[in-house]
PDB file of N, CA and C in Angstrom:
ATOM      1  N   UNK A   1      48.727 128.339 184.687  1.00  0.00           N
ATOM      2  CA  UNK A   1      48.541 129.601 185.195  1.00  0.00           C
ATOM      3  C   UNK A   1      47.277 130.193 184.686  1.00  0.00           C
ATOM      4  N   UNK A   2      46.470 130.680 185.480  1.00  0.00           N
ATOM      5  CA  UNK A   2      45.215 131.257 185.093  1.00  0.00           C
ATOM      6  C   UNK A   2      45.171 132.689 185.588  1.00  0.00           C
ATOM      7  N   UNK A   3      44.771 133.622 184.675  1.00  0.00           N
ATOM      8  CA  UNK A   3      44.648 134.981 185.056  1.00  0.00           C
ATOM      9  C   UNK A   3      43.322 135.158 185.753  1.00  0.00           C
ATOM     10  N   UNK A   4      43.247 135.810 186.930  1.00  0.00           N
ATOM     11  CA  UNK A   4      42.044 135.937 187.564  1.00  0.00           C
ATOM     12  C   UNK A   4      41.907 137.272 188.179  1.00  0.00           C
ATOM     13  N   UNK A   5      40.749 137.608 188.732  1.00  0.00           N
ATOM     14  CA  UNK A   5      40.425 138.804 189.451  1.00  0.00           C
ATOM     15  C   UNK A   5      41.026 138.677 190.834  1.00  0.00           C
ATOM     16  N   UNK A   6      41.748 139.797 191.332  1.00  0.00           N
ATOM     17  CA  UNK A   6      42.451 139.619 192.583  1.00  0.00           C
ATOM     18  C   UNK A   6      41.487 139.619 193.843  1.00  0.00           C
ATOM     19  N   UNK A   7      40.316 140.242 193.655  1.00  0.00           N
ATOM     20  CA  UNK A   7      39.365 140.351 194.784  1.00  0.00           C
ATOM     21  C   UNK A   7      38.701 138.974 195.094  1.00  0.00           C
ATOM     22  N   UNK A   8      37.998 138.382 194.141  1.00  0.00           N
ATOM     23  CA  UNK A   8      37.266 137.166 194.480  1.00  0.00           C
ATOM     24  C   UNK A   8      37.876 135.904 193.730  1.00  0.00           C
ATOM     25  N   UNK A   9      39.007 136.100 193.082  1.00  0.00           N
ATOM     26  CA  UNK A   9      39.689 134.895 192.436  1.00  0.00           C
ATOM     27  C   UNK A   9      38.868 134.317 191.258  1.00  0.00           C
ATOM     28  N   UNK A  10      37.952 135.108 190.660  1.00  0.00           N
ATOM     29  CA  UNK A  10      37.181 134.596 189.479  1.00  0.00           C
ATOM     30  C   UNK A  10      38.038 134.905 188.307  1.00  0.00           C
ATOM     31  N   UNK A  11      37.828 134.131 187.278  1.00  0.00           N
ATOM     32  CA  UNK A  11      38.654 134.336 185.971  1.00  0.00           C
ATOM     33  C   UNK A  11      38.161 135.625 185.278  1.00  0.00           C
ATOM     34  N   UNK A  12      39.134 136.345 184.649  1.00  0.00           N
ATOM     35  CA  UNK A  12      38.755 137.476 183.878  1.00  0.00           C
ATOM     36  C   UNK A  12      38.043 137.244 182.626  1.00  0.00           C
ATOM     37  N   UNK A  13      38.425 136.106 182.034  1.00  0.00           N
ATOM     38  CA  UNK A  13      37.854 135.761 180.668  1.00  0.00           C
ATOM     39  C   UNK A  13      36.601 134.898 180.797  1.00  0.00           C
ATOM     40  N   UNK A  14      35.560 135.078 179.939  1.00  0.00           N
ATOM     41  CA  UNK A  14      34.327 134.251 180.051  1.00  0.00           C
ATOM     42  C   UNK A  14      34.666 132.802 179.619  1.00  0.00           C
ATOM     43  N   UNK A  15      33.876 131.824 179.941  1.00  0.00           N
ATOM     44  CA  UNK A  15      34.149 130.416 179.698  1.00  0.00           C
ATOM     45  C   UNK A  15      34.519 130.179 178.283  1.00  0.00           C
ATOM     46  N   UNK A  16      33.733 130.777 177.319  1.00  0.00           N
ATOM     47  CA  UNK A  16      34.054 130.468 175.919  1.00  0.00           C
ATOM     48  C   UNK A  16      35.365 130.802 175.404  1.00  0.00           C
ATOM     49  N   UNK A  17      35.914 131.998 176.020  1.00  0.00           N
ATOM     50  CA  UNK A  17      37.295 132.326 175.564  1.00  0.00           C
ATOM     51  C   UNK A  17      38.357 131.515 176.305  1.00  0.00           C
ATOM     52  N   UNK A  18      38.040 130.921 177.435  1.00  0.00           N
ATOM     53  CA  UNK A  18      38.992 130.037 178.034  1.00  0.00           C
ATOM     54  C   UNK A  18      38.989 128.689 177.540  1.00  0.00           C
ATOM     55  N   UNK A  19      38.040 128.412 176.574  1.00  0.00           N
ATOM     56  CA  UNK A  19      37.948 127.051 175.951  1.00  0.00           C
ATOM     57  C   UNK A  19      37.029 126.112 176.674  1.00  0.00           C
ATOM     58  N   UNK A  20      36.212 126.611 177.522  1.00  0.00           N
ATOM     59  CA  UNK A  20      35.262 125.784 178.366  1.00  0.00           C
ATOM     60  C   UNK A  20      33.843 125.922 177.884  1.00  0.00           C
ATOM     61  N   UNK A  21      32.934 124.895 177.976  1.00  0.00           N
ATOM     62  CA  UNK A  21      31.657 125.030 177.712  1.00  0.00           C
ATOM     63  C   UNK A  21      30.928 124.032 178.593  1.00  0.00           C
ATOM     64  N   UNK A  22      29.582 124.118 178.848  1.00  0.00           N
ATOM     65  CA  UNK A  22      28.900 123.277 179.754  1.00  0.00           C
ATOM     66  C   UNK A  22      29.149 121.840 179.503  1.00  0.00           C
ATOM     67  N   UNK A  23      29.074 121.360 178.201  1.00  0.00           N
ATOM     68  CA  UNK A  23      29.275 119.896 177.889  1.00  0.00           C
ATOM     69  C   UNK A  23      30.704 119.497 177.862  1.00  0.00           C
ATOM     70  N   UNK A  24      31.696 120.355 177.824  1.00  0.00           N
ATOM     71  CA  UNK A  24      33.216 119.829 177.830  1.00  0.00           C
ATOM     72  C   UNK A  24      34.048 121.000 177.375  1.00  0.00           C
ATOM     73  N   UNK A  25      35.163 120.494 176.605  1.00  0.00           N
ATOM     74  CA  UNK A  25      36.101 121.396 176.126  1.00  0.00           C
ATOM     75  C   UNK A  25      35.867 121.882 174.680  1.00  0.00           C
ATOM     76  N   UNK A  26      35.965 123.195 174.372  1.00  0.00           N
ATOM     77  CA  UNK A  26      35.784 123.610 173.026  1.00  0.00           C
ATOM     78  C   UNK A  26      37.031 124.190 172.527  1.00  0.00           C
ATOM     79  N   UNK A  27      37.310 124.062 171.268  1.00  0.00           N
ATOM     80  CA  UNK A  27      38.539 124.582 170.667  1.00  0.00           C
ATOM     81  C   UNK A  27      38.521 126.014 170.682  1.00  0.00           C
ATOM     82  N   UNK A  28      39.642 126.690 171.177  1.00  0.00           N
ATOM     83  CA  UNK A  28      39.625 128.101 171.331  1.00  0.00           C
ATOM     84  C   UNK A  28      39.499 128.996 170.061  1.00  0.00           C
ATOM     85  N   UNK A  29      40.087 128.404 168.861  1.00  0.00           N
ATOM     86  CA  UNK A  29      39.906 129.211 167.692  1.00  0.00           C
ATOM     87  C   UNK A  29      38.578 129.359 167.203  1.00  0.00           C
ATOM     88  N   UNK A  30      37.728 128.368 167.546  1.00  0.00           N
ATOM     89  CA  UNK A  30      36.276 128.418 167.080  1.00  0.00           C
ATOM     90  C   UNK A  30      35.446 129.300 167.970  1.00  0.00           C
ATOM     91  N   UNK A  31      36.043 129.759 169.083  1.00  0.00           N
ATOM     92  CA  UNK A  31      35.266 130.550 170.068  1.00  0.00           C
ATOM     93  C   UNK A  31      35.430 132.107 169.847  1.00  0.00           C
ATOM     94  N   UNK A  32      36.339 132.451 168.999  1.00  0.00           N
ATOM     95  CA  UNK A  32      36.604 133.846 168.805  1.00  0.00           C
ATOM     96  C   UNK A  32      35.407 134.386 167.873  1.00  0.00           C
ATOM     97  N   UNK A  33      34.678 135.419 168.455  1.00  0.00           N
ATOM     98  CA  UNK A  33      33.428 135.842 167.832  1.00  0.00           C
ATOM     99  C   UNK A  33      33.807 137.057 166.877  1.00  0.00           C
ATOM    100  N   UNK A  34      34.587 137.912 167.540  1.00  0.00           N
ATOM    101  CA  UNK A  34      34.881 139.233 166.838  1.00  0.00           C
ATOM    102  C   UNK A  34      36.207 139.266 166.427  1.00  0.00           C
ATOM    103  N   UNK A  35      36.496 139.806 165.177  1.00  0.00           N
ATOM    104  CA  UNK A  35      37.793 139.952 164.675  1.00  0.00           C
ATOM    105  C   UNK A  35      38.150 141.502 164.736  1.00  0.00           C
ATOM    106  N   UNK A  36      39.450 141.753 164.656  1.00  0.00           N
ATOM    107  CA  UNK A  36      39.921 143.129 164.641  1.00  0.00           C
ATOM    108  C   UNK A  36      39.458 143.871 163.387  1.00  0.00           C
ATOM    109  N   UNK A  37      38.992 145.037 163.676  1.00  0.00           N
ATOM    110  CA  UNK A  37      38.452 145.884 162.354  1.00  0.00           C
ATOM    111  C   UNK A  37      39.763 146.417 161.722  1.00  0.00           C
ATOM    112  N   UNK A  38      39.740 146.116 160.385  1.00  0.00           N
ATOM    113  CA  UNK A  38      40.945 146.465 159.614  1.00  0.00           C
ATOM    114  C   UNK A  38      40.651 147.658 158.753  1.00  0.00           C
ATOM    115  N   UNK A  39      39.459 148.096 158.507  1.00  0.00           N
ATOM    116  CA  UNK A  39      39.166 149.275 157.715  1.00  0.00           C
ATOM    117  C   UNK A  39      37.804 149.824 157.867  1.00  0.00           C
ATOM    118  N   UNK A  40      37.318 150.653 156.898  1.00  0.00           N
ATOM    119  CA  UNK A  40      35.982 151.178 156.967  1.00  0.00           C
ATOM    120  C   UNK A  40      34.985 150.279 156.301  1.00  0.00           C
ATOM    121  N   UNK A  41      33.786 150.352 156.662  1.00  0.00           N
ATOM    122  CA  UNK A  41      32.725 149.527 155.929  1.00  0.00           C
ATOM    123  C   UNK A  41      32.280 150.405 154.679  1.00  0.00           C
ATOM    124  N   UNK A  42      31.624 149.628 153.829  1.00  0.00           N
ATOM    125  CA  UNK A  42      31.025 150.339 152.605  1.00  0.00           C
ATOM    126  C   UNK A  42      30.083 151.389 152.907  1.00  0.00           C
ATOM    127  N   UNK A  43      29.258 151.146 153.974  1.00  0.00           N
ATOM    128  CA  UNK A  43      28.194 152.076 154.405  1.00  0.00           C
ATOM    129  C   UNK A  43      28.887 153.432 154.960  1.00  0.00           C
ATOM    130  N   UNK A  44      29.966 153.247 155.756  1.00  0.00           N
ATOM    131  CA  UNK A  44      30.654 154.405 156.219  1.00  0.00           C
ATOM    132  C   UNK A  44      31.264 155.256 155.070  1.00  0.00           C
ATOM    133  N   UNK A  45      31.789 154.694 154.057  1.00  0.00           N
ATOM    134  CA  UNK A  45      32.385 155.310 153.016  1.00  0.00           C
ATOM    135  C   UNK A  45      31.292 156.108 152.174  1.00  0.00           C
ATOM    136  N   UNK A  46      30.145 155.355 151.948  1.00  0.00           N
ATOM    137  CA  UNK A  46      29.037 156.004 151.302  1.00  0.00           C
ATOM    138  C   UNK A  46      28.567 157.217 151.884  1.00  0.00           C
ATOM    139  N   UNK A  47      28.351 157.142 153.218  1.00  0.00           N
ATOM    140  CA  UNK A  47      27.887 158.291 154.052  1.00  0.00           C
ATOM    141  C   UNK A  47      28.852 159.403 153.882  1.00  0.00           C
ATOM    142  N   UNK A  48      30.155 159.221 154.058  1.00  0.00           N
ATOM    143  CA  UNK A  48      31.109 160.297 153.962  1.00  0.00           C
ATOM    144  C   UNK A  48      31.069 160.904 152.478  1.00  0.00           C
ATOM    145  N   UNK A  49      30.991 160.172 151.463  1.00  0.00           N
ATOM    146  CA  UNK A  49      30.937 160.682 150.097  1.00  0.00           C
ATOM    147  C   UNK A  49      29.660 161.456 149.880  1.00  0.00           C
ATOM    148  N   UNK A  50      28.532 160.944 150.490  1.00  0.00           N
ATOM    149  CA  UNK A  50      27.278 161.800 150.429  1.00  0.00           C
ATOM    150  C   UNK A  50      27.338 163.109 151.081  1.00  0.00           C
ATOM    151  N   UNK A  51      28.056 163.152 152.296  1.00  0.00           N
ATOM    152  CA  UNK A  51      28.119 164.399 152.999  1.00  0.00           C
ATOM    153  C   UNK A  51      29.006 165.343 152.291  1.00  0.00           C
ATOM    154  N   UNK A  52      30.100 164.892 151.628  1.00  0.00           N
ATOM    155  CA  UNK A  52      30.964 165.718 150.842  1.00  0.00           C
ATOM    156  C   UNK A  52      30.235 166.302 149.641  1.00  0.00           C
ATOM    157  N   UNK A  53      29.499 165.436 148.992  1.00  0.00           N
ATOM    158  CA  UNK A  53      28.700 165.849 147.856  1.00  0.00           C
ATOM    159  C   UNK A  53      27.627 166.862 148.142  1.00  0.00           C
ATOM    160  N   UNK A  54      27.129 166.762 149.285  1.00  0.00           N
ATOM    161  CA  UNK A  54      26.111 167.768 149.776  1.00  0.00           C
ATOM    162  C   UNK A  54      26.737 169.127 150.033  1.00  0.00           C
ATOM    163  N   UNK A  55      27.952 169.104 150.685  1.00  0.00           N
ATOM    164  CA  UNK A  55      28.643 170.383 150.921  1.00  0.00           C
ATOM    165  C   UNK A  55      29.083 170.935 149.634  1.00  0.00           C
ATOM    166  N   UNK A  56      29.483 170.253 148.704  1.00  0.00           N
ATOM    167  CA  UNK A  56      29.972 170.804 147.429  1.00  0.00           C
ATOM    168  C   UNK A  56      28.693 171.430 146.642  1.00  0.00           C
ATOM    169  N   UNK A  57      27.608 170.626 146.805  1.00  0.00           N
ATOM    170  CA  UNK A  57      26.349 171.225 146.149  1.00  0.00           C
ATOM    171  C   UNK A  57      25.819 172.506 146.685  1.00  0.00           C
ATOM    172  N   UNK A  58      26.205 172.747 148.011  1.00  0.00           N
ATOM    173  CA  UNK A  58      25.750 173.966 148.644  1.00  0.00           C
ATOM    174  C   UNK A  58      26.724 175.017 148.386  1.00  0.00           C
ATOM    175  N   UNK A  59      28.033 174.766 148.376  1.00  0.00           N
ATOM    176  CA  UNK A  59      29.019 175.847 148.278  1.00  0.00           C
ATOM    177  C   UNK A  59      29.362 176.179 146.878  1.00  0.00           C
ATOM    178  N   UNK A  60      29.382 175.241 145.934  1.00  0.00           N
ATOM    179  CA  UNK A  60      29.800 175.475 144.533  1.00  0.00           C
ATOM    180  C   UNK A  60      29.028 176.599 143.829  1.00  0.00           C
ATOM    181  N   UNK A  61      27.663 176.670 143.949  1.00  0.00           N
ATOM    182  CA  UNK A  61      27.007 177.786 143.284  1.00  0.00           C
ATOM    183  C   UNK A  61      27.387 179.175 143.774  1.00  0.00           C
ATOM    184  N   UNK A  62      27.738 179.137 145.007  1.00  0.00           N
ATOM    185  CA  UNK A  62      28.224 180.560 145.525  1.00  0.00           C
ATOM    186  C   UNK A  62      29.533 180.954 144.932  1.00  0.00           C
ATOM    187  N   UNK A  63      30.467 180.056 144.763  1.00  0.00           N
ATOM    188  CA  UNK A  63      31.782 180.212 144.213  1.00  0.00           C
ATOM    189  C   UNK A  63      31.732 180.504 142.850  1.00  0.00           C
ATOM    190  N   UNK A  64      30.926 179.795 142.134  1.00  0.00           N
ATOM    191  CA  UNK A  64      30.871 179.921 140.661  1.00  0.00           C
ATOM    192  C   UNK A  64      30.201 181.339 140.276  1.00  0.00           C
ATOM    193  N   UNK A  65      29.262 181.678 141.081  1.00  0.00           N
ATOM    194  CA  UNK A  65      28.509 182.996 140.813  1.00  0.00           C
ATOM    195  C   UNK A  65      29.503 184.175 141.114  1.00  0.00           C
ATOM    196  N   UNK A  66      30.337 184.044 142.006  1.00  0.00           N
ATOM    197  CA  UNK A  66      31.252 185.052 142.450  1.00  0.00           C
ATOM    198  C   UNK A  66      32.378 185.399 141.415  1.00  0.00           C
ATOM    199  N   UNK A  67      32.742 184.398 140.585  1.00  0.00           N
ATOM    200  CA  UNK A  67      33.702 184.642 139.577  1.00  0.00           C
ATOM    201  C   UNK A  67      33.168 185.601 138.425  1.00  0.00           C
ATOM    202  N   UNK A  68      31.994 185.576 138.128  1.00  0.00           N
ATOM    203  CA  UNK A  68      31.422 186.573 137.245  1.00  0.00           C
ATOM    204  C   UNK A  68      31.481 187.911 137.749  1.00  0.00           C
ATOM    205  N   UNK A  69      31.158 188.078 138.996  1.00  0.00           N
ATOM    206  CA  UNK A  69      31.165 189.374 139.614  1.00  0.00           C
ATOM    207  C   UNK A  69      32.568 189.941 139.652  1.00  0.00           C
ATOM    208  N   UNK A  70      33.563 189.045 139.989  1.00  0.00           N
ATOM    209  CA  UNK A  70      34.957 189.499 139.966  1.00  0.00           C
ATOM    210  C   UNK A  70      35.396 189.922 138.575  1.00  0.00           C
ATOM    211  N   UNK A  71      34.992 189.235 137.595  1.00  0.00           N
ATOM    212  CA  UNK A  71      35.421 189.662 136.228  1.00  0.00           C
ATOM    213  C   UNK A  71      34.828 191.072 135.930  1.00  0.00           C
ATOM    214  N   UNK A  72      33.521 191.235 136.283  1.00  0.00           N
ATOM    215  CA  UNK A  72      32.942 192.478 136.019  1.00  0.00           C
ATOM    216  C   UNK A  72      33.700 193.667 136.690  1.00  0.00           C
ATOM    217  N   UNK A  73      33.976 193.415 138.003  1.00  0.00           N
ATOM    218  CA  UNK A  73      34.642 194.432 138.757  1.00  0.00           C
ATOM    219  C   UNK A  73      36.081 194.783 138.181  1.00  0.00           C
ATOM    220  N   UNK A  74      36.749 193.729 137.780  1.00  0.00           N
ATOM    221  CA  UNK A  74      38.091 193.866 137.185  1.00  0.00           C
ATOM    222  C   UNK A  74      37.948 194.724 135.883  1.00  0.00           C
ATOM    223  N   UNK A  75      36.883 194.383 135.063  1.00  0.00           N
ATOM    224  CA  UNK A  75      36.789 195.115 133.838  1.00  0.00           C
ATOM    225  C   UNK A  75      36.472 196.607 134.161  1.00  0.00           C
ATOM    226  N   UNK A  76      35.612 196.960 135.160  1.00  0.00           N
ATOM    227  CA  UNK A  76      35.247 198.334 135.542  1.00  0.00           C
ATOM    228  C   UNK A  76      36.527 199.020 135.919  1.00  0.00           C
ATOM    229  N   UNK A  77      37.477 198.341 136.717  1.00  0.00           N
ATOM    230  CA  UNK A  77      38.683 199.005 137.120  1.00  0.00           C
ATOM    231  C   UNK A  77      39.579 199.303 135.953  1.00  0.00           C
ATOM    232  N   UNK A  78      39.632 198.357 134.995  1.00  0.00           N
ATOM    233  CA  UNK A  78      40.490 198.642 133.850  1.00  0.00           C
ATOM    234  C   UNK A  78      39.909 199.797 132.980  1.00  0.00           C
ATOM    235  N   UNK A  79      38.600 199.928 132.841  1.00  0.00           N
ATOM    236  CA  UNK A  79      38.109 201.049 132.192  1.00  0.00           C
ATOM    237  C   UNK A  79      38.411 202.306 132.872  1.00  0.00           C
ATOM    238  N   UNK A  80      38.301 202.416 134.183  1.00  0.00           N
ATOM    239  CA  UNK A  80      38.644 203.676 134.874  1.00  0.00           C
ATOM    240  C   UNK A  80      40.170 203.890 134.645  1.00  0.00           C
ATOM    241  N   UNK A  81      41.001 202.969 134.632  1.00  0.00           N
ATOM    242  CA  UNK A  81      42.404 203.198 134.374  1.00  0.00           C
ATOM    243  C   UNK A  81      42.646 203.782 133.071  1.00  0.00           C
ATOM    244  N   UNK A  82      41.966 203.181 132.012  1.00  0.00           N
ATOM    245  CA  UNK A  82      42.014 203.715 130.623  1.00  0.00           C
ATOM    246  C   UNK A  82      41.580 205.217 130.711  1.00  0.00           C
ATOM    247  N   UNK A  83      40.483 205.501 131.315  1.00  0.00           N
ATOM    248  CA  UNK A  83      39.945 206.938 131.374  1.00  0.00           C
ATOM    249  C   UNK A  83      40.993 207.902 131.971  1.00  0.00           C
ATOM    250  N   UNK A  84      41.544 207.469 133.103  1.00  0.00           N
ATOM    251  CA  UNK A  84      42.571 208.380 133.695  1.00  0.00           C
ATOM    252  C   UNK A  84      43.781 208.493 132.877  1.00  0.00           C
ATOM    253  N   UNK A  85      44.126 207.488 132.187  1.00  0.00           N
ATOM    254  CA  UNK A  85      45.298 207.505 131.313  1.00  0.00           C
ATOM    255  C   UNK A  85      45.019 208.442 130.053  1.00  0.00           C
ATOM    256  N   UNK A  86      43.785 208.459 129.531  1.00  0.00           N
ATOM    257  CA  UNK A  86      43.494 209.349 128.415  1.00  0.00           C
ATOM    258  C   UNK A  86      43.350 210.857 128.864  1.00  0.00           C
ATOM    259  N   UNK A  87      43.097 211.003 130.085  1.00  0.00           N
ATOM    260  CA  UNK A  87      42.963 212.393 130.574  1.00  0.00           C
ATOM    261  C   UNK A  87      44.385 213.051 130.680  1.00  0.00           C
ATOM    262  N   UNK A  88      45.345 212.297 130.881  1.00  0.00           N
ATOM    263  CA  UNK A  88      46.717 212.760 131.032  1.00  0.00           C
ATOM    264  C   UNK A  88      47.210 213.220 129.633  1.00  0.00           C
TER     265      UNK A  88
END
């Protein structure tokens, strides 16, 4: 039983995948060229890590600088609270 195209009755698989070659028959297992992809390549992982590091390098200084400003504002609010408490 051969799987074929319904219109012109040509096989759907190329000759190498059917086990045929010009000179004769070829073992099907040796004709498989591509295997299924099971995971990520090393290059893909390196690119993702580089992009994440770049984002952290851009965002981290902004966040770190803001903590000092927040401490200063909190201290000013506490001083105002002490002033109002002393006035009473």
